[in-house]
Amino acid sequence: MGTPEDLVSMRSAFGGHLICRINNDPGVRLAEVRLAGALGANEVWLPMVRRLDEIEDCLGALGPGVT
């Protein structure tokens, strides 16, 4: 399992497209997607999506212009 520190290290070492997988636990999902975006992930994978609102919440947490 990766950590925020791992993501920071990867971002500083790699200038290309960086993918980050987050947890889909309702208690941490939005905080993790915000943190992944803030730390430089270009793409965030949300595993075990069950409902459209889970995706919409994550997109909303990242702000306008995110697809």
C-alpha atoms as a PDB file:
ATOM      1  CA  MET A   1       0.000   0.000   0.000  1.00  0.00           C
ATOM      2  CA  GLY A   2       1.327   3.377  -0.986  1.00  0.00           C
ATOM      3  CA  THR A   3       1.488   6.454   1.172  1.00  0.00           C
ATOM      4  CA  PRO A   4       1.227  10.169   0.435  1.00  0.00           C
ATOM      5  CA  GLU A   5       4.996  10.296   0.805  1.00  0.00           C
ATOM      6  CA  ASP A   6       5.332   7.653  -1.936  1.00  0.00           C
ATOM      7  CA  LEU A   7       3.174   9.764  -4.243  1.00  0.00           C
ATOM      8  CA  VAL A   8       5.306  12.843  -3.560  1.00  0.00           C
ATOM      9  CA  SER A   9       8.462  10.831  -4.320  1.00  0.00           C
ATOM     10  CA  MET A  10       7.010   9.464  -7.535  1.00  0.00           C
ATOM     11  CA  ARG A  11       5.863  12.915  -8.657  1.00  0.00           C
ATOM     12  CA  SER A  12       9.302  14.413  -8.064  1.00  0.00           C
ATOM     13  CA  ALA A  13      11.071  11.527  -9.837  1.00  0.00           C
ATOM     14  CA  PHE A  14       8.675  11.117 -12.772  1.00  0.00           C
ATOM     15  CA  GLY A  15       7.394  13.922 -14.968  1.00  0.00           C
ATOM     16  CA  GLY A  16       4.898  11.825 -16.905  1.00  0.00           C
ATOM     17  CA  HIS A  17       1.316  10.758 -16.343  1.00  0.00           C
ATOM     18  CA  LEU A  18       0.978   9.543 -12.740  1.00  0.00           C
ATOM     19  CA  ILE A  19      -1.881   7.296 -11.618  1.00  0.00           C
ATOM     20  CA  CYS A  20      -2.973   6.941  -7.994  1.00  0.00           C
ATOM     21  CA  ARG A  21      -5.437   4.385  -6.634  1.00  0.00           C
ATOM     22  CA  ILE A  22      -7.463   5.520  -3.640  1.00  0.00           C
ATOM     23  CA  ASN A  23      -9.647   3.617  -1.198  1.00  0.00           C
ATOM     24  CA  ASN A  24     -13.397   3.572  -1.725  1.00  0.00           C
ATOM     25  CA  ASP A  25     -14.258   3.689   1.973  1.00  0.00           C
ATOM     26  CA  PRO A  26     -16.870   6.438   2.500  1.00  0.00           C
ATOM     27  CA  GLY A  27     -14.950   7.705   5.522  1.00  0.00           C
ATOM     28  CA  VAL A  28     -11.774   8.489   3.560  1.00  0.00           C
ATOM     29  CA  ARG A  29     -12.700   8.570  -0.132  1.00  0.00           C
ATOM     30  CA  LEU A  30     -13.055  12.350  -0.572  1.00  0.00           C
ATOM     31  CA  ALA A  31     -10.043  13.210   1.570  1.00  0.00           C
ATOM     32  CA  GLU A  32      -7.904  10.740  -0.375  1.00  0.00           C
ATOM     33  CA  VAL A  33      -9.019  11.997  -3.791  1.00  0.00           C
ATOM     34  CA  ARG A  34      -8.284  15.601  -2.757  1.00  0.00           C
ATOM     35  CA  LEU A  35      -4.880  14.608  -1.398  1.00  0.00           C
ATOM     36  CA  ALA A  36      -3.999  12.617  -4.534  1.00  0.00           C
ATOM     37  CA  GLY A  37      -4.855  15.617  -6.698  1.00  0.00           C
ATOM     38  CA  ALA A  38      -2.956  18.023  -4.465  1.00  0.00           C
ATOM     39  CA  LEU A  39       0.131  15.800  -4.516  1.00  0.00           C
ATOM     40  CA  GLY A  40       0.234  15.653  -8.296  1.00  0.00           C
ATOM     41  CA  ALA A  41      -1.694  12.610  -9.486  1.00  0.00           C
ATOM     42  CA  ASN A  42      -2.900  13.055 -13.057  1.00  0.00           C
ATOM     43  CA  GLU A  43      -5.411  10.229 -12.788  1.00  0.00           C
ATOM     44  CA  VAL A  44      -7.158   8.753  -9.753  1.00  0.00           C
ATOM     45  CA  TRP A  45      -8.569   5.234  -9.763  1.00  0.00           C
ATOM     46  CA  LEU A  46     -11.598   4.601  -7.597  1.00  0.00           C
ATOM     47  CA  PRO A  47     -11.962   0.841  -7.033  1.00  0.00           C
ATOM     48  CA  MET A  48     -15.202  -1.030  -6.465  1.00  0.00           C
ATOM     49  CA  VAL A  49     -17.481   1.774  -7.597  1.00  0.00           C
ATOM     50  CA  ARG A  50     -21.053   0.820  -6.846  1.00  0.00           C
ATOM     51  CA  ARG A  51     -22.994   3.997  -7.525  1.00  0.00           C
ATOM     52  CA  LEU A  52     -22.787   7.011  -9.800  1.00  0.00           C
ATOM     53  CA  ASP A  53     -22.879   9.383  -6.824  1.00  0.00           C
ATOM     54  CA  GLU A  54     -19.517   7.995  -5.622  1.00  0.00           C
ATOM     55  CA  ILE A  55     -17.944   9.153  -8.879  1.00  0.00           C
ATOM     56  CA  GLU A  56     -19.766  12.487  -8.861  1.00  0.00           C
ATOM     57  CA  ASP A  57     -18.653  13.185  -5.271  1.00  0.00           C
ATOM     58  CA  CYS A  58     -15.016  12.521  -6.170  1.00  0.00           C
ATOM     59  CA  LEU A  59     -15.157  14.696  -9.273  1.00  0.00           C
ATOM     60  CA  GLY A  60     -16.796  17.459  -7.234  1.00  0.00           C
ATOM     61  CA  ALA A  61     -14.080  17.201  -4.576  1.00  0.00           C
ATOM     62  CA  LEU A  62     -11.416  17.827  -7.216  1.00  0.00           C
ATOM     63  CA  GLY A  63     -13.092  20.978  -8.472  1.00  0.00           C
ATOM     64  CA  PRO A  64     -14.234  22.389 -11.780  1.00  0.00           C
ATOM     65  CA  GLY A  65     -12.630  21.282 -15.026  1.00  0.00           C
ATOM     66  CA  VAL A  66     -11.793  17.777 -13.832  1.00  0.00           C
ATOM     67  CA  THR A  67     -13.076  14.895 -15.943  1.00  0.00           C
END
